[in-house]
Amino acid sequence: MALDNYALVYLILATICIQHTLACSCMWAPNFPDRYCSSGFVFRGNVLSETIDQKGNFGFEDKYVYTVEVNKVYKSTELAEEKVSGNNTVQLETPKYGSLCGKPLMPDTEYLISVTPYMIARESKVMGINMCAWIEEYHHVPQADKQALDDEVECGFD
């Protein structure tokens, strides 16, 4: 009888662990035009604040939420423009853990950030980012890419 109780406990624990075993894998765009053209919103901005949205459920659904000041918009959709508030800020969220494709940002740091079109939900004020997106500290962006951002980038399907 005691052995049956241990087996039940192990079964429950295994079910919980398997249910929350997730992984992240990305298909990186190889070059600047591909990264730019596959994005729905590309901008340069400073991270003003970071909060954690705790969802419970063992922390796997927790997200970092960032308020980012938009310094310059390079590309946008109408839906993305609606997300930029009157004080020129956006809310971005990302999973807390890298294994879930989370992309943490550092407050008081300027980034070049792209948001893919499917991460801009009509029903939400917050846009999603993850490690599969084109996000890098602005001072690390190659000068040629910075120049290309300031020029008009031709995307074959625009």
N, C-alpha and C. Protein backbone atom coordinates (compact mmCIF):
# COMPACT_ATOMS: atom_id res chain seq x y z
N MET A 1 0.82 -1.19 0.00
CA MET A 1 0.00 0.00 0.00
C MET A 1 0.87 1.26 0.00
N ALA A 2 1.93 1.30 0.83
CA ALA A 2 2.82 2.47 0.88
C ALA A 2 3.53 2.64 -0.45
N LEU A 3 3.87 1.53 -1.10
CA LEU A 3 4.53 1.60 -2.40
C LEU A 3 3.61 2.24 -3.44
N ASP A 4 2.32 1.96 -3.37
CA ASP A 4 1.35 2.56 -4.29
C ASP A 4 1.28 4.08 -4.11
N ASN A 5 1.38 4.55 -2.86
CA ASN A 5 1.35 6.00 -2.61
C ASN A 5 2.58 6.67 -3.21
N TYR A 6 3.76 6.04 -3.08
CA TYR A 6 4.97 6.60 -3.68
C TYR A 6 4.88 6.63 -5.20
N ALA A 7 4.32 5.58 -5.76
CA ALA A 7 4.17 5.54 -7.21
C ALA A 7 3.24 6.65 -7.69
N LEU A 8 2.18 6.90 -6.93
CA LEU A 8 1.25 7.97 -7.28
C LEU A 8 1.93 9.34 -7.21
N VAL A 9 2.73 9.55 -6.16
CA VAL A 9 3.45 10.82 -6.02
C VAL A 9 4.42 11.00 -7.18
N TYR A 10 5.18 9.97 -7.53
CA TYR A 10 6.11 10.06 -8.65
C TYR A 10 5.39 10.32 -9.96
N LEU A 11 4.25 9.71 -10.15
CA LEU A 11 3.47 9.92 -11.36
C LEU A 11 3.00 11.37 -11.46
N ILE A 12 2.53 11.92 -10.35
CA ILE A 12 2.09 13.31 -10.34
C ILE A 12 3.25 14.25 -10.63
N LEU A 13 4.39 14.03 -9.97
CA LEU A 13 5.57 14.87 -10.21
C LEU A 13 6.04 14.78 -11.66
N ALA A 14 6.06 13.58 -12.20
CA ALA A 14 6.48 13.41 -13.60
C ALA A 14 5.54 14.13 -14.55
N THR A 15 4.26 14.07 -14.27
CA THR A 15 3.27 14.75 -15.11
C THR A 15 3.49 16.26 -15.08
N ILE A 16 3.74 16.81 -13.89
CA ILE A 16 3.99 18.25 -13.76
C ILE A 16 5.24 18.64 -14.53
N CYS A 17 6.30 17.86 -14.38
CA CYS A 17 7.56 18.19 -15.05
C CYS A 17 7.44 18.09 -16.57
N ILE A 18 6.78 17.09 -17.05
CA ILE A 18 6.62 16.92 -18.50
C ILE A 18 5.73 18.01 -19.06
N GLN A 19 4.69 18.38 -18.32
CA GLN A 19 3.77 19.41 -18.77
C GLN A 19 4.49 20.74 -18.96
N HIS A 20 5.50 21.02 -18.15
CA HIS A 20 6.18 22.31 -18.21
C HIS A 20 7.57 22.24 -18.83
N THR A 21 7.84 21.20 -19.57
CA THR A 21 9.11 21.11 -20.26
C THR A 21 8.94 21.76 -21.62
N LEU A 22 9.50 22.93 -21.75
CA LEU A 22 9.39 23.69 -22.99
C LEU A 22 10.78 24.08 -23.43
N ALA A 23 10.93 24.39 -24.67
CA ALA A 23 12.23 24.79 -25.17
C ALA A 23 12.05 25.88 -26.22
N CYS A 24 13.12 26.57 -26.47
CA CYS A 24 13.08 27.66 -27.45
C CYS A 24 14.02 27.31 -28.59
N SER A 25 13.56 27.55 -29.79
CA SER A 25 14.46 27.46 -30.93
C SER A 25 14.03 28.52 -31.93
N CYS A 26 15.02 29.12 -32.55
CA CYS A 26 14.76 30.25 -33.44
C CYS A 26 15.37 29.99 -34.81
N MET A 27 14.76 30.60 -35.79
CA MET A 27 15.30 30.61 -37.13
C MET A 27 15.74 32.05 -37.38
N TRP A 28 17.02 32.32 -37.24
CA TRP A 28 17.54 33.68 -37.36
C TRP A 28 17.59 34.14 -38.81
N ALA A 29 17.19 35.36 -39.03
CA ALA A 29 17.35 35.96 -40.35
C ALA A 29 18.83 36.26 -40.52
N PRO A 30 19.42 35.88 -41.64
CA PRO A 30 20.87 35.94 -41.78
C PRO A 30 21.47 37.33 -41.99
N ASN A 31 20.67 38.29 -42.44
CA ASN A 31 21.28 39.58 -42.76
C ASN A 31 20.31 40.72 -42.47
N PHE A 32 20.82 41.93 -42.57
CA PHE A 32 20.03 43.12 -42.24
C PHE A 32 18.71 43.20 -43.01
N PRO A 33 18.71 43.11 -44.35
CA PRO A 33 17.43 43.26 -45.06
C PRO A 33 16.39 42.23 -44.62
N ASP A 34 16.81 40.99 -44.40
CA ASP A 34 15.86 39.96 -43.98
C ASP A 34 15.30 40.26 -42.59
N ARG A 35 16.17 40.69 -41.67
CA ARG A 35 15.71 41.01 -40.31
C ARG A 35 14.74 42.18 -40.35
N TYR A 36 15.08 43.20 -41.11
CA TYR A 36 14.24 44.38 -41.21
C TYR A 36 12.90 44.05 -41.87
N CYS A 37 12.95 43.39 -42.99
CA CYS A 37 11.73 43.14 -43.77
C CYS A 37 10.77 42.17 -43.08
N SER A 38 11.28 41.29 -42.23
CA SER A 38 10.39 40.35 -41.54
C SER A 38 9.80 40.95 -40.26
N SER A 39 10.12 42.20 -39.96
CA SER A 39 9.63 42.86 -38.75
C SER A 39 8.42 43.72 -39.05
N GLY A 40 7.53 43.83 -38.07
CA GLY A 40 6.38 44.71 -38.22
C GLY A 40 6.61 46.06 -37.58
N PHE A 41 7.55 46.12 -36.64
CA PHE A 41 7.83 47.36 -35.91
C PHE A 41 9.31 47.35 -35.57
N VAL A 42 10.04 48.34 -36.06
CA VAL A 42 11.48 48.46 -35.78
C VAL A 42 11.69 49.86 -35.22
N PHE A 43 12.31 49.92 -34.05
CA PHE A 43 12.53 51.23 -33.44
C PHE A 43 13.76 51.21 -32.54
N ARG A 44 14.22 52.40 -32.23
CA ARG A 44 15.31 52.59 -31.28
C ARG A 44 14.69 53.17 -30.02
N GLY A 45 15.04 52.60 -28.87
CA GLY A 45 14.43 53.10 -27.64
C GLY A 45 15.24 52.80 -26.40
N ASN A 46 14.95 53.58 -25.35
CA ASN A 46 15.59 53.40 -24.04
C ASN A 46 14.63 52.68 -23.10
N VAL A 47 15.15 51.68 -22.41
CA VAL A 47 14.34 50.95 -21.42
C VAL A 47 14.24 51.83 -20.18
N LEU A 48 13.02 52.23 -19.84
CA LEU A 48 12.80 53.09 -18.69
C LEU A 48 12.58 52.30 -17.41
N SER A 49 11.86 51.19 -17.51
CA SER A 49 11.57 50.40 -16.30
C SER A 49 11.31 48.94 -16.65
N GLU A 50 11.44 48.12 -15.61
CA GLU A 50 11.20 46.68 -15.73
C GLU A 50 10.37 46.24 -14.54
N THR A 51 9.31 45.47 -14.80
CA THR A 51 8.53 44.85 -13.74
C THR A 51 8.35 43.39 -14.08
N ILE A 52 7.97 42.60 -13.09
CA ILE A 52 7.70 41.19 -13.33
C ILE A 52 6.21 40.95 -13.15
N ASP A 53 5.59 40.40 -14.17
CA ASP A 53 4.19 40.03 -14.12
C ASP A 53 4.15 38.56 -13.73
N GLN A 54 3.83 38.31 -12.45
CA GLN A 54 3.84 36.94 -11.95
C GLN A 54 2.49 36.29 -12.20
N LYS A 55 2.53 35.23 -12.97
CA LYS A 55 1.31 34.54 -13.36
C LYS A 55 1.04 33.30 -12.51
N GLY A 56 1.95 32.96 -11.61
CA GLY A 56 1.78 31.73 -10.83
C GLY A 56 2.22 30.53 -11.63
N ASN A 57 1.60 29.38 -11.35
CA ASN A 57 1.86 28.15 -12.11
C ASN A 57 3.34 27.83 -12.18
N PHE A 58 4.01 27.84 -11.04
CA PHE A 58 5.42 27.48 -10.90
C PHE A 58 6.36 28.47 -11.57
N GLY A 59 5.90 29.65 -11.93
CA GLY A 59 6.75 30.67 -12.51
C GLY A 59 6.99 30.55 -14.00
N PHE A 60 6.48 29.51 -14.62
CA PHE A 60 6.74 29.31 -16.05
C PHE A 60 6.02 30.32 -16.93
N GLU A 61 4.96 30.92 -16.41
CA GLU A 61 4.23 31.91 -17.19
C GLU A 61 4.59 33.33 -16.80
N ASP A 62 5.54 33.51 -15.87
CA ASP A 62 5.96 34.85 -15.47
C ASP A 62 6.61 35.56 -16.65
N LYS A 63 6.41 36.87 -16.69
CA LYS A 63 6.96 37.67 -17.79
C LYS A 63 7.60 38.93 -17.23
N TYR A 64 8.66 39.37 -17.92
CA TYR A 64 9.19 40.71 -17.69
C TYR A 64 8.36 41.65 -18.54
N VAL A 65 7.99 42.79 -17.96
CA VAL A 65 7.27 43.82 -18.70
C VAL A 65 8.13 45.09 -18.65
N TYR A 66 8.41 45.64 -19.81
CA TYR A 66 9.27 46.82 -19.92
C TYR A 66 8.49 48.00 -20.45
N THR A 67 8.77 49.16 -19.89
CA THR A 67 8.32 50.41 -20.47
C THR A 67 9.52 50.97 -21.21
N VAL A 68 9.34 51.22 -22.51
CA VAL A 68 10.45 51.65 -23.36
C VAL A 68 10.08 52.96 -24.03
N GLU A 69 10.96 53.94 -23.89
CA GLU A 69 10.78 55.22 -24.57
C GLU A 69 11.18 55.05 -26.03
N VAL A 70 10.30 55.43 -26.93
CA VAL A 70 10.56 55.30 -28.36
C VAL A 70 11.30 56.55 -28.83
N ASN A 71 12.57 56.38 -29.22
CA ASN A 71 13.38 57.51 -29.69
C ASN A 71 13.22 57.74 -31.19
N LYS A 72 13.17 56.66 -31.96
CA LYS A 72 13.03 56.79 -33.41
C LYS A 72 12.38 55.53 -33.95
N VAL A 73 11.38 55.71 -34.80
CA VAL A 73 10.71 54.59 -35.46
C VAL A 73 11.26 54.47 -36.87
N TYR A 74 11.71 53.28 -37.23
CA TYR A 74 12.25 53.03 -38.58
C TYR A 74 11.21 52.35 -39.47
N LYS A 75 10.35 51.55 -38.85
CA LYS A 75 9.33 50.82 -39.61
C LYS A 75 8.18 50.55 -38.66
N SER A 76 6.95 50.66 -39.16
CA SER A 76 5.80 50.44 -38.29
C SER A 76 4.58 50.03 -39.11
N THR A 77 3.69 49.34 -38.43
CA THR A 77 2.37 49.06 -38.98
C THR A 77 1.39 49.97 -38.24
N GLU A 78 0.18 50.10 -38.75
CA GLU A 78 -0.84 50.90 -38.07
C GLU A 78 -1.10 50.35 -36.67
N LEU A 79 -1.17 49.04 -36.56
CA LEU A 79 -1.44 48.42 -35.26
C LEU A 79 -0.32 48.71 -34.27
N ALA A 80 0.92 48.67 -34.73
CA ALA A 80 2.05 48.99 -33.84
C ALA A 80 2.00 50.45 -33.42
N GLU A 81 1.64 51.34 -34.34
CA GLU A 81 1.55 52.75 -34.00
C GLU A 81 0.51 53.01 -32.92
N GLU A 82 -0.56 52.21 -32.91
CA GLU A 82 -1.58 52.35 -31.89
C GLU A 82 -1.05 52.00 -30.49
N LYS A 83 -0.02 51.19 -30.42
CA LYS A 83 0.54 50.76 -29.14
C LYS A 83 1.45 51.82 -28.52
N VAL A 84 1.93 52.77 -29.32
CA VAL A 84 2.81 53.82 -28.80
C VAL A 84 1.92 54.84 -28.09
N SER A 85 2.16 55.02 -26.80
CA SER A 85 1.30 55.90 -26.01
C SER A 85 1.60 57.37 -26.32
N GLY A 86 0.76 58.24 -25.77
CA GLY A 86 0.91 59.68 -25.99
C GLY A 86 2.24 60.24 -25.51
N ASN A 87 2.84 59.59 -24.53
CA ASN A 87 4.14 60.07 -24.05
C ASN A 87 5.30 59.35 -24.73
N ASN A 88 5.01 58.78 -25.91
CA ASN A 88 6.02 58.14 -26.76
C ASN A 88 6.71 56.95 -26.09
N THR A 89 5.91 56.13 -25.40
CA THR A 89 6.45 54.90 -24.81
C THR A 89 5.63 53.72 -25.29
N VAL A 90 6.25 52.54 -25.23
CA VAL A 90 5.56 51.29 -25.51
C VAL A 90 5.80 50.34 -24.35
N GLN A 91 4.89 49.39 -24.23
CA GLN A 91 5.03 48.32 -23.26
C GLN A 91 5.43 47.05 -24.02
N LEU A 92 6.52 46.43 -23.58
CA LEU A 92 6.99 45.19 -24.18
C LEU A 92 7.02 44.12 -23.11
N GLU A 93 6.68 42.89 -23.48
CA GLU A 93 6.77 41.79 -22.52
C GLU A 93 7.53 40.64 -23.15
N THR A 94 8.20 39.88 -22.28
CA THR A 94 8.95 38.72 -22.73
C THR A 94 8.92 37.67 -21.64
N PRO A 95 8.94 36.39 -21.98
CA PRO A 95 9.00 35.37 -20.94
C PRO A 95 10.20 35.60 -20.02
N LYS A 96 10.04 35.23 -18.77
CA LYS A 96 11.09 35.46 -17.78
C LYS A 96 12.32 34.58 -18.04
N TYR A 97 12.12 33.43 -18.66
CA TYR A 97 13.22 32.47 -18.82
C TYR A 97 13.66 32.33 -20.27
N GLY A 98 14.97 32.23 -20.45
CA GLY A 98 15.53 32.06 -21.79
C GLY A 98 15.08 30.77 -22.44
N SER A 99 14.83 29.73 -21.64
CA SER A 99 14.38 28.46 -22.21
C SER A 99 13.00 28.59 -22.84
N LEU A 100 12.27 29.66 -22.50
CA LEU A 100 10.97 29.94 -23.09
C LEU A 100 11.07 31.08 -24.09
N CYS A 101 12.27 31.32 -24.58
CA CYS A 101 12.58 32.37 -25.55
C CYS A 101 12.56 33.78 -24.96
N GLY A 102 12.66 33.89 -23.66
CA GLY A 102 12.68 35.21 -23.03
C GLY A 102 13.92 36.00 -23.42
N LYS A 103 13.76 37.28 -23.62
CA LYS A 103 14.86 38.18 -23.98
C LYS A 103 14.88 39.33 -22.98
N PRO A 104 15.59 39.16 -21.87
CA PRO A 104 15.62 40.25 -20.88
C PRO A 104 16.37 41.47 -21.41
N LEU A 105 15.89 42.63 -21.02
CA LEU A 105 16.52 43.90 -21.39
C LEU A 105 17.05 44.56 -20.12
N MET A 106 18.00 45.45 -20.28
CA MET A 106 18.57 46.16 -19.14
C MET A 106 18.00 47.58 -19.09
N PRO A 107 17.45 47.97 -17.94
CA PRO A 107 16.98 49.36 -17.81
C PRO A 107 18.12 50.34 -18.05
N ASP A 108 17.76 51.52 -18.49
CA ASP A 108 18.71 52.60 -18.78
C ASP A 108 19.67 52.24 -19.92
N THR A 109 19.21 51.41 -20.84
CA THR A 109 20.02 50.99 -21.98
C THR A 109 19.23 51.26 -23.25
N GLU A 110 19.93 51.73 -24.28
CA GLU A 110 19.29 52.00 -25.57
C GLU A 110 19.45 50.78 -26.47
N TYR A 111 18.34 50.37 -27.08
CA TYR A 111 18.32 49.19 -27.94
C TYR A 111 17.75 49.52 -29.31
N LEU A 112 18.12 48.70 -30.27
CA LEU A 112 17.40 48.61 -31.53
C LEU A 112 16.50 47.40 -31.35
N ILE A 113 15.19 47.59 -31.49
CA ILE A 113 14.23 46.53 -31.18
C ILE A 113 13.32 46.33 -32.38
N SER A 114 13.14 45.06 -32.74
CA SER A 114 12.15 44.73 -33.77
C SER A 114 11.09 43.85 -33.13
N VAL A 115 9.89 44.04 -33.58
CA VAL A 115 8.77 43.22 -33.10
C VAL A 115 8.16 42.59 -34.34
N THR A 116 8.06 41.26 -34.34
CA THR A 116 7.47 40.58 -35.49
C THR A 116 5.97 40.83 -35.51
N PRO A 117 5.36 40.83 -36.67
CA PRO A 117 3.92 41.15 -36.76
C PRO A 117 3.03 40.28 -35.87
N TYR A 118 3.36 39.00 -35.71
CA TYR A 118 2.48 38.14 -34.90
C TYR A 118 2.60 38.41 -33.41
N MET A 119 3.55 39.25 -32.97
CA MET A 119 3.70 39.59 -31.56
C MET A 119 3.01 40.93 -31.23
N ILE A 120 2.27 41.46 -32.19
CA ILE A 120 1.53 42.71 -31.99
C ILE A 120 0.04 42.34 -31.99
N ALA A 121 -0.51 42.08 -30.81
CA ALA A 121 -1.90 41.64 -30.71
C ALA A 121 -2.84 42.83 -30.67
N ARG A 122 -3.91 42.73 -31.40
CA ARG A 122 -4.91 43.81 -31.45
C ARG A 122 -5.55 44.03 -30.08
N GLU A 123 -5.76 42.97 -29.31
CA GLU A 123 -6.50 43.05 -28.06
C GLU A 123 -5.65 43.55 -26.89
N SER A 124 -4.36 43.67 -27.05
CA SER A 124 -3.47 43.99 -25.94
C SER A 124 -2.75 45.31 -26.16
N LYS A 125 -2.44 46.00 -25.08
CA LYS A 125 -1.65 47.23 -25.17
C LYS A 125 -0.16 46.90 -25.18
N VAL A 126 0.16 45.67 -24.84
CA VAL A 126 1.56 45.23 -24.71
C VAL A 126 1.96 44.45 -25.95
N MET A 127 3.16 44.70 -26.46
CA MET A 127 3.71 43.93 -27.57
C MET A 127 4.69 42.91 -27.01
N GLY A 128 4.78 41.77 -27.66
CA GLY A 128 5.68 40.72 -27.22
C GLY A 128 7.02 40.76 -27.94
N ILE A 129 8.07 40.45 -27.20
CA ILE A 129 9.40 40.28 -27.79
C ILE A 129 9.96 38.96 -27.29
N ASN A 130 10.91 38.42 -28.01
CA ASN A 130 11.59 37.21 -27.55
C ASN A 130 12.98 37.16 -28.16
N MET A 131 13.72 36.15 -27.79
CA MET A 131 15.12 36.09 -28.25
C MET A 131 15.23 35.80 -29.74
N CYS A 132 14.14 35.46 -30.40
CA CYS A 132 14.17 35.22 -31.83
C CYS A 132 14.08 36.53 -32.62
N ALA A 133 13.72 37.60 -31.94
CA ALA A 133 13.59 38.90 -32.61
C ALA A 133 14.96 39.55 -32.74
N TRP A 134 15.00 40.57 -33.56
CA TRP A 134 16.21 41.35 -33.78
C TRP A 134 16.26 42.43 -32.71
N ILE A 135 17.01 42.17 -31.65
CA ILE A 135 17.14 43.10 -30.53
C ILE A 135 18.61 43.15 -30.13
N GLU A 136 19.18 44.33 -30.19
CA GLU A 136 20.57 44.47 -29.73
C GLU A 136 20.80 45.88 -29.21
N GLU A 137 21.77 45.97 -28.30
CA GLU A 137 22.11 47.28 -27.78
C GLU A 137 22.52 48.15 -28.96
N TYR A 138 22.01 49.38 -28.97
CA TYR A 138 22.20 50.23 -30.14
C TYR A 138 23.67 50.48 -30.44
N HIS A 139 24.50 50.62 -29.43
CA HIS A 139 25.92 50.90 -29.70
C HIS A 139 26.64 49.69 -30.30
N HIS A 140 26.00 48.51 -30.30
CA HIS A 140 26.58 47.32 -30.94
C HIS A 140 26.10 47.13 -32.38
N VAL A 141 25.12 47.90 -32.79
CA VAL A 141 24.61 47.79 -34.17
C VAL A 141 25.69 48.28 -35.11
N PRO A 142 26.05 47.48 -36.12
CA PRO A 142 27.08 47.92 -37.07
C PRO A 142 26.69 49.24 -37.76
N GLN A 143 27.69 50.05 -38.02
CA GLN A 143 27.46 51.36 -38.64
C GLN A 143 26.73 51.22 -39.98
N ALA A 144 27.05 50.19 -40.75
CA ALA A 144 26.38 49.98 -42.04
C ALA A 144 24.88 49.73 -41.83
N ASP A 145 24.51 48.99 -40.77
CA ASP A 145 23.10 48.75 -40.49
C ASP A 145 22.41 50.04 -40.03
N LYS A 146 23.11 50.84 -39.22
CA LYS A 146 22.54 52.12 -38.79
C LYS A 146 22.27 53.01 -40.00
N GLN A 147 23.21 53.03 -40.94
CA GLN A 147 23.03 53.84 -42.15
C GLN A 147 21.87 53.31 -42.99
N ALA A 148 21.78 51.99 -43.11
CA ALA A 148 20.69 51.39 -43.88
C ALA A 148 19.34 51.70 -43.24
N LEU A 149 19.28 51.75 -41.90
CA LEU A 149 18.02 52.11 -41.24
C LEU A 149 17.59 53.53 -41.59
N ASP A 150 18.56 54.43 -41.71
CA ASP A 150 18.24 55.81 -42.04
C ASP A 150 17.87 55.98 -43.51
N ASP A 151 18.33 55.07 -44.38
CA ASP A 151 17.94 55.08 -45.78
C ASP A 151 16.64 54.30 -45.93
N GLU A 152 16.01 54.40 -47.07
CA GLU A 152 14.81 53.59 -47.31
C GLU A 152 15.21 52.18 -47.67
N VAL A 153 14.75 51.22 -46.89
CA VAL A 153 15.04 49.81 -47.14
C VAL A 153 13.94 49.26 -48.02
N GLU A 154 14.31 48.65 -49.13
CA GLU A 154 13.34 48.05 -50.06
C GLU A 154 13.06 46.61 -49.63
N CYS A 155 11.81 46.33 -49.35
CA CYS A 155 11.38 44.98 -49.07
C CYS A 155 10.54 44.52 -50.26
N GLY A 156 10.84 43.37 -50.79
CA GLY A 156 10.20 42.90 -52.01
C GLY A 156 8.71 42.75 -51.93
N PHE A 157 8.14 42.69 -50.72
CA PHE A 157 6.72 42.42 -50.59
C PHE A 157 5.95 43.58 -49.98
N ASP A 158 6.56 44.75 -49.82
CA ASP A 158 5.85 45.90 -49.22
C ASP A 158 4.89 46.52 -50.20
